[in-house]
Amino acid sequence: MIYHLITPETWATYESQPAYSNPSLDTEGFIHCSRQEQIEGVLERFFEGVTALQLLHIDESQLTSPLRYEAVPDAPDTFPHVFGPINREAIVAVTWVRGESS
């Protein structure tokens, strides 16, 4: 399982769509994801002050876009990157991390 942090407003836009995309797909060529043990660090580093966040639970075995684990600057381990939209079938759960039901 891999994970992707998302605002509830963004998720509401994609929830009924056949695939989820992210601006990073256009700017960097992939969608940033995390392994479970990386979520807390990502929250601290990139989402400070964000009060409402959800977590997409993504079953990588159901992805139709390529998945690669890659090194990132200033991090000791690799992170999962999805090189294309995340098909809806691969998103097996959406949970609250901060906000409404966390």
N, C-alpha and C. Protein backbone atom coordinates (compact mmCIF):
# COMPACT_ATOMS: atom_id res chain seq x y z
N MET A 1 0.85 -1.18 0.00
CA MET A 1 0.00 0.00 0.00
C MET A 1 0.89 1.24 0.00
N ILE A 2 0.51 2.21 -0.83
CA ILE A 2 1.15 3.52 -0.81
C ILE A 2 0.07 4.55 -0.52
N TYR A 3 0.48 5.78 -0.22
CA TYR A 3 -0.46 6.79 0.27
C TYR A 3 -0.17 8.14 -0.39
N HIS A 4 -1.24 8.95 -0.50
CA HIS A 4 -1.13 10.29 -1.06
C HIS A 4 -1.98 11.23 -0.23
N LEU A 5 -1.38 12.32 0.26
CA LEU A 5 -2.10 13.33 1.04
C LEU A 5 -2.80 14.29 0.10
N ILE A 6 -4.03 14.67 0.48
CA ILE A 6 -4.85 15.50 -0.41
C ILE A 6 -5.81 16.34 0.44
N THR A 7 -6.12 17.53 -0.03
CA THR A 7 -7.11 18.34 0.67
C THR A 7 -8.51 17.80 0.35
N PRO A 8 -9.45 17.97 1.26
CA PRO A 8 -10.81 17.49 0.99
C PRO A 8 -11.44 18.17 -0.23
N GLU A 9 -11.09 19.43 -0.46
CA GLU A 9 -11.62 20.14 -1.63
C GLU A 9 -11.13 19.50 -2.93
N THR A 10 -9.87 19.16 -2.96
CA THR A 10 -9.33 18.51 -4.16
C THR A 10 -9.94 17.14 -4.34
N TRP A 11 -10.04 16.38 -3.26
CA TRP A 11 -10.63 15.04 -3.38
C TRP A 11 -12.07 15.10 -3.86
N ALA A 12 -12.83 16.10 -3.41
CA ALA A 12 -14.23 16.24 -3.83
C ALA A 12 -14.32 16.41 -5.36
N THR A 13 -13.31 17.03 -5.95
CA THR A 13 -13.28 17.22 -7.40
C THR A 13 -13.08 15.90 -8.15
N TYR A 14 -12.31 15.00 -7.55
CA TYR A 14 -11.92 13.76 -8.23
C TYR A 14 -12.68 12.52 -7.76
N GLU A 15 -13.38 12.61 -6.66
CA GLU A 15 -13.98 11.45 -6.02
C GLU A 15 -14.81 10.59 -6.97
N SER A 16 -15.56 11.18 -7.85
CA SER A 16 -16.40 10.42 -8.77
C SER A 16 -15.79 10.27 -10.16
N GLN A 17 -14.55 10.71 -10.33
CA GLN A 17 -13.87 10.61 -11.62
C GLN A 17 -13.19 9.25 -11.78
N PRO A 18 -12.92 8.84 -13.01
CA PRO A 18 -12.27 7.54 -13.22
C PRO A 18 -10.79 7.50 -12.81
N ALA A 19 -10.19 8.69 -12.64
CA ALA A 19 -8.78 8.74 -12.24
C ALA A 19 -8.49 10.05 -11.50
N TYR A 20 -7.48 9.99 -10.64
CA TYR A 20 -7.03 11.18 -9.90
C TYR A 20 -5.73 11.67 -10.54
N SER A 21 -5.66 12.97 -10.74
CA SER A 21 -4.44 13.58 -11.23
C SER A 21 -4.03 14.66 -10.24
N ASN A 22 -2.86 15.23 -10.43
CA ASN A 22 -2.32 16.22 -9.51
C ASN A 22 -1.47 17.17 -10.33
N PRO A 23 -1.40 18.45 -9.97
CA PRO A 23 -0.55 19.38 -10.73
C PRO A 23 0.90 18.92 -10.87
N SER A 24 1.40 18.16 -9.89
CA SER A 24 2.78 17.70 -9.99
C SER A 24 3.00 16.76 -11.18
N LEU A 25 1.93 16.13 -11.65
CA LEU A 25 2.06 15.27 -12.82
C LEU A 25 2.47 16.11 -14.03
N ASP A 26 1.91 17.31 -14.15
CA ASP A 26 2.28 18.19 -15.26
C ASP A 26 3.62 18.86 -15.05
N THR A 27 3.92 19.26 -13.81
CA THR A 27 5.16 20.01 -13.56
C THR A 27 6.38 19.13 -13.34
N GLU A 28 6.17 17.95 -12.72
CA GLU A 28 7.32 17.09 -12.40
C GLU A 28 7.28 15.73 -13.11
N GLY A 29 6.13 15.40 -13.68
CA GLY A 29 6.01 14.14 -14.42
C GLY A 29 5.53 12.98 -13.58
N PHE A 30 5.19 13.22 -12.31
CA PHE A 30 4.71 12.14 -11.44
C PHE A 30 3.89 12.71 -10.30
N ILE A 31 3.16 11.81 -9.62
CA ILE A 31 2.40 12.16 -8.42
C ILE A 31 3.17 11.65 -7.22
N HIS A 32 3.43 12.53 -6.27
CA HIS A 32 4.16 12.17 -5.05
C HIS A 32 3.30 11.28 -4.16
N CYS A 33 3.88 10.20 -3.68
CA CYS A 33 3.20 9.33 -2.72
C CYS A 33 4.19 8.99 -1.60
N SER A 34 3.71 8.25 -0.62
CA SER A 34 4.55 7.87 0.52
C SER A 34 4.23 6.45 0.93
N ARG A 35 5.20 5.84 1.59
CA ARG A 35 4.93 4.59 2.31
C ARG A 35 4.37 5.00 3.67
N GLN A 36 3.73 4.10 4.38
CA GLN A 36 3.07 4.43 5.63
C GLN A 36 4.02 5.10 6.62
N GLU A 37 5.22 4.59 6.75
CA GLU A 37 6.17 5.13 7.73
C GLU A 37 6.70 6.51 7.34
N GLN A 38 6.41 6.98 6.12
CA GLN A 38 6.88 8.28 5.67
C GLN A 38 5.84 9.39 5.84
N ILE A 39 4.61 9.02 6.12
CA ILE A 39 3.51 9.99 6.16
C ILE A 39 3.76 11.10 7.18
N GLU A 40 4.15 10.77 8.38
CA GLU A 40 4.35 11.78 9.42
C GLU A 40 5.39 12.81 9.01
N GLY A 41 6.48 12.35 8.43
CA GLY A 41 7.52 13.27 7.98
C GLY A 41 7.04 14.18 6.86
N VAL A 42 6.26 13.65 5.95
CA VAL A 42 5.70 14.46 4.86
C VAL A 42 4.74 15.50 5.42
N LEU A 43 3.93 15.10 6.38
CA LEU A 43 3.02 16.05 7.02
C LEU A 43 3.79 17.21 7.64
N GLU A 44 4.85 16.89 8.37
CA GLU A 44 5.65 17.92 9.04
C GLU A 44 6.36 18.83 8.04
N ARG A 45 6.86 18.25 6.98
CA ARG A 45 7.68 19.00 6.03
C ARG A 45 6.86 19.84 5.05
N PHE A 46 5.74 19.32 4.59
CA PHE A 46 5.02 19.98 3.50
C PHE A 46 3.61 20.47 3.84
N PHE A 47 3.06 20.08 4.98
CA PHE A 47 1.67 20.42 5.27
C PHE A 47 1.50 21.13 6.62
N GLU A 48 2.53 21.79 7.07
CA GLU A 48 2.43 22.54 8.32
C GLU A 48 1.35 23.61 8.18
N GLY A 49 0.47 23.69 9.13
CA GLY A 49 -0.58 24.68 9.11
C GLY A 49 -1.82 24.31 8.32
N VAL A 50 -1.77 23.22 7.57
CA VAL A 50 -2.94 22.77 6.83
C VAL A 50 -3.84 22.03 7.81
N THR A 51 -5.05 22.48 7.97
CA THR A 51 -5.92 21.93 9.02
C THR A 51 -6.85 20.82 8.55
N ALA A 52 -7.03 20.66 7.26
CA ALA A 52 -7.90 19.60 6.75
C ALA A 52 -7.16 18.82 5.67
N LEU A 53 -6.93 17.54 5.95
CA LEU A 53 -6.23 16.68 5.00
C LEU A 53 -6.82 15.28 5.02
N GLN A 54 -6.86 14.69 3.85
CA GLN A 54 -7.26 13.30 3.73
C GLN A 54 -6.11 12.49 3.15
N LEU A 55 -6.22 11.19 3.30
CA LEU A 55 -5.18 10.28 2.85
C LEU A 55 -5.78 9.27 1.89
N LEU A 56 -5.26 9.24 0.67
CA LEU A 56 -5.67 8.21 -0.28
C LEU A 56 -4.84 6.97 -0.01
N HIS A 57 -5.51 5.84 0.16
CA HIS A 57 -4.84 4.55 0.32
C HIS A 57 -4.84 3.89 -1.05
N ILE A 58 -3.67 3.67 -1.59
CA ILE A 58 -3.54 3.22 -2.97
C ILE A 58 -2.91 1.83 -3.01
N ASP A 59 -3.64 0.89 -3.59
CA ASP A 59 -3.14 -0.47 -3.76
C ASP A 59 -2.29 -0.48 -5.04
N GLU A 60 -0.99 -0.51 -4.84
CA GLU A 60 -0.09 -0.39 -6.00
C GLU A 60 -0.25 -1.53 -6.99
N SER A 61 -0.77 -2.67 -6.55
CA SER A 61 -0.97 -3.79 -7.48
C SER A 61 -2.11 -3.51 -8.46
N GLN A 62 -2.94 -2.51 -8.18
CA GLN A 62 -4.05 -2.17 -9.07
C GLN A 62 -3.79 -0.93 -9.92
N LEU A 63 -2.63 -0.31 -9.75
CA LEU A 63 -2.30 0.88 -10.54
C LEU A 63 -2.16 0.53 -12.02
N THR A 64 -2.68 1.41 -12.86
CA THR A 64 -2.49 1.24 -14.30
C THR A 64 -1.35 2.13 -14.81
N SER A 65 -0.91 3.10 -14.02
CA SER A 65 0.23 3.94 -14.36
C SER A 65 1.48 3.37 -13.70
N PRO A 66 2.65 3.61 -14.29
CA PRO A 66 3.89 3.10 -13.71
C PRO A 66 4.19 3.68 -12.33
N LEU A 67 4.73 2.85 -11.47
CA LEU A 67 5.15 3.24 -10.12
C LEU A 67 6.64 2.98 -10.00
N ARG A 68 7.36 4.00 -9.50
CA ARG A 68 8.80 3.85 -9.25
C ARG A 68 9.13 4.39 -7.88
N TYR A 69 10.04 3.73 -7.19
CA TYR A 69 10.56 4.22 -5.92
C TYR A 69 11.86 4.95 -6.23
N GLU A 70 11.89 6.24 -5.89
CA GLU A 70 13.02 7.07 -6.27
C GLU A 70 13.57 7.85 -5.08
N ALA A 71 14.86 8.13 -5.15
CA ALA A 71 15.51 8.96 -4.14
C ALA A 71 15.04 10.40 -4.33
N VAL A 72 14.94 11.13 -3.23
CA VAL A 72 14.60 12.55 -3.27
C VAL A 72 15.65 13.32 -2.48
N PRO A 73 15.86 14.59 -2.83
CA PRO A 73 16.88 15.38 -2.11
C PRO A 73 16.58 15.46 -0.61
N ASP A 74 17.62 15.39 0.17
CA ASP A 74 17.54 15.56 1.62
C ASP A 74 16.70 14.49 2.33
N ALA A 75 16.58 13.31 1.74
CA ALA A 75 15.85 12.22 2.38
C ALA A 75 16.70 10.95 2.32
N PRO A 76 16.74 10.20 3.40
CA PRO A 76 17.59 9.01 3.43
C PRO A 76 17.01 7.81 2.67
N ASP A 77 15.71 7.81 2.39
CA ASP A 77 15.12 6.67 1.70
C ASP A 77 14.39 7.09 0.44
N THR A 78 13.87 6.13 -0.29
CA THR A 78 13.18 6.40 -1.53
C THR A 78 11.68 6.60 -1.28
N PHE A 79 11.04 7.30 -2.20
CA PHE A 79 9.61 7.55 -2.12
C PHE A 79 8.92 7.01 -3.36
N PRO A 80 7.68 6.53 -3.23
CA PRO A 80 6.94 6.07 -4.39
C PRO A 80 6.42 7.24 -5.22
N HIS A 81 6.66 7.16 -6.52
CA HIS A 81 6.18 8.17 -7.46
C HIS A 81 5.35 7.45 -8.52
N VAL A 82 4.15 7.97 -8.79
CA VAL A 82 3.26 7.39 -9.79
C VAL A 82 3.36 8.25 -11.04
N PHE A 83 3.79 7.64 -12.15
CA PHE A 83 4.03 8.35 -13.40
C PHE A 83 2.82 8.29 -14.31
N GLY A 84 1.76 8.92 -13.86
CA GLY A 84 0.52 8.99 -14.61
C GLY A 84 -0.63 9.14 -13.63
N PRO A 85 -1.85 9.29 -14.13
CA PRO A 85 -3.01 9.40 -13.25
C PRO A 85 -3.17 8.13 -12.40
N ILE A 86 -3.78 8.29 -11.24
CA ILE A 86 -4.06 7.15 -10.36
C ILE A 86 -5.49 6.72 -10.64
N ASN A 87 -5.64 5.55 -11.23
CA ASN A 87 -6.97 5.04 -11.56
C ASN A 87 -7.78 4.79 -10.30
N ARG A 88 -9.06 5.06 -10.38
CA ARG A 88 -9.96 5.01 -9.21
C ARG A 88 -9.97 3.64 -8.55
N GLU A 89 -9.83 2.57 -9.31
CA GLU A 89 -9.84 1.21 -8.74
C GLU A 89 -8.67 0.98 -7.78
N ALA A 90 -7.58 1.71 -7.99
CA ALA A 90 -6.40 1.55 -7.13
C ALA A 90 -6.57 2.27 -5.79
N ILE A 91 -7.49 3.23 -5.72
CA ILE A 91 -7.74 3.96 -4.47
C ILE A 91 -8.75 3.15 -3.67
N VAL A 92 -8.26 2.42 -2.68
CA VAL A 92 -9.11 1.47 -1.96
C VAL A 92 -9.73 2.05 -0.70
N ALA A 93 -9.23 3.21 -0.24
CA ALA A 93 -9.81 3.87 0.93
C ALA A 93 -9.36 5.32 0.94
N VAL A 94 -10.18 6.15 1.60
CA VAL A 94 -9.85 7.55 1.83
C VAL A 94 -10.17 7.82 3.29
N THR A 95 -9.15 8.25 4.05
CA THR A 95 -9.35 8.51 5.47
C THR A 95 -8.91 9.93 5.80
N TRP A 96 -9.40 10.43 6.93
CA TRP A 96 -9.01 11.76 7.40
C TRP A 96 -7.71 11.66 8.19
N VAL A 97 -6.82 12.60 7.94
CA VAL A 97 -5.58 12.72 8.70
C VAL A 97 -5.69 13.90 9.66
N ARG A 98 -6.27 14.96 9.17
CA ARG A 98 -6.51 16.18 9.97
C ARG A 98 -7.87 16.72 9.58
N GLY A 99 -8.59 17.20 10.57
CA GLY A 99 -9.84 17.85 10.24
C GLY A 99 -11.06 17.08 10.66
N GLU A 100 -12.04 17.05 9.79
CA GLU A 100 -13.40 16.62 10.08
C GLU A 100 -13.54 15.37 10.94
N SER A 101 -12.86 14.30 10.61
CA SER A 101 -13.04 13.05 11.34
C SER A 101 -11.74 12.45 11.82
N SER A 102 -10.71 13.27 11.99
CA SER A 102 -9.41 12.70 12.37
C SER A 102 -9.32 12.40 13.84
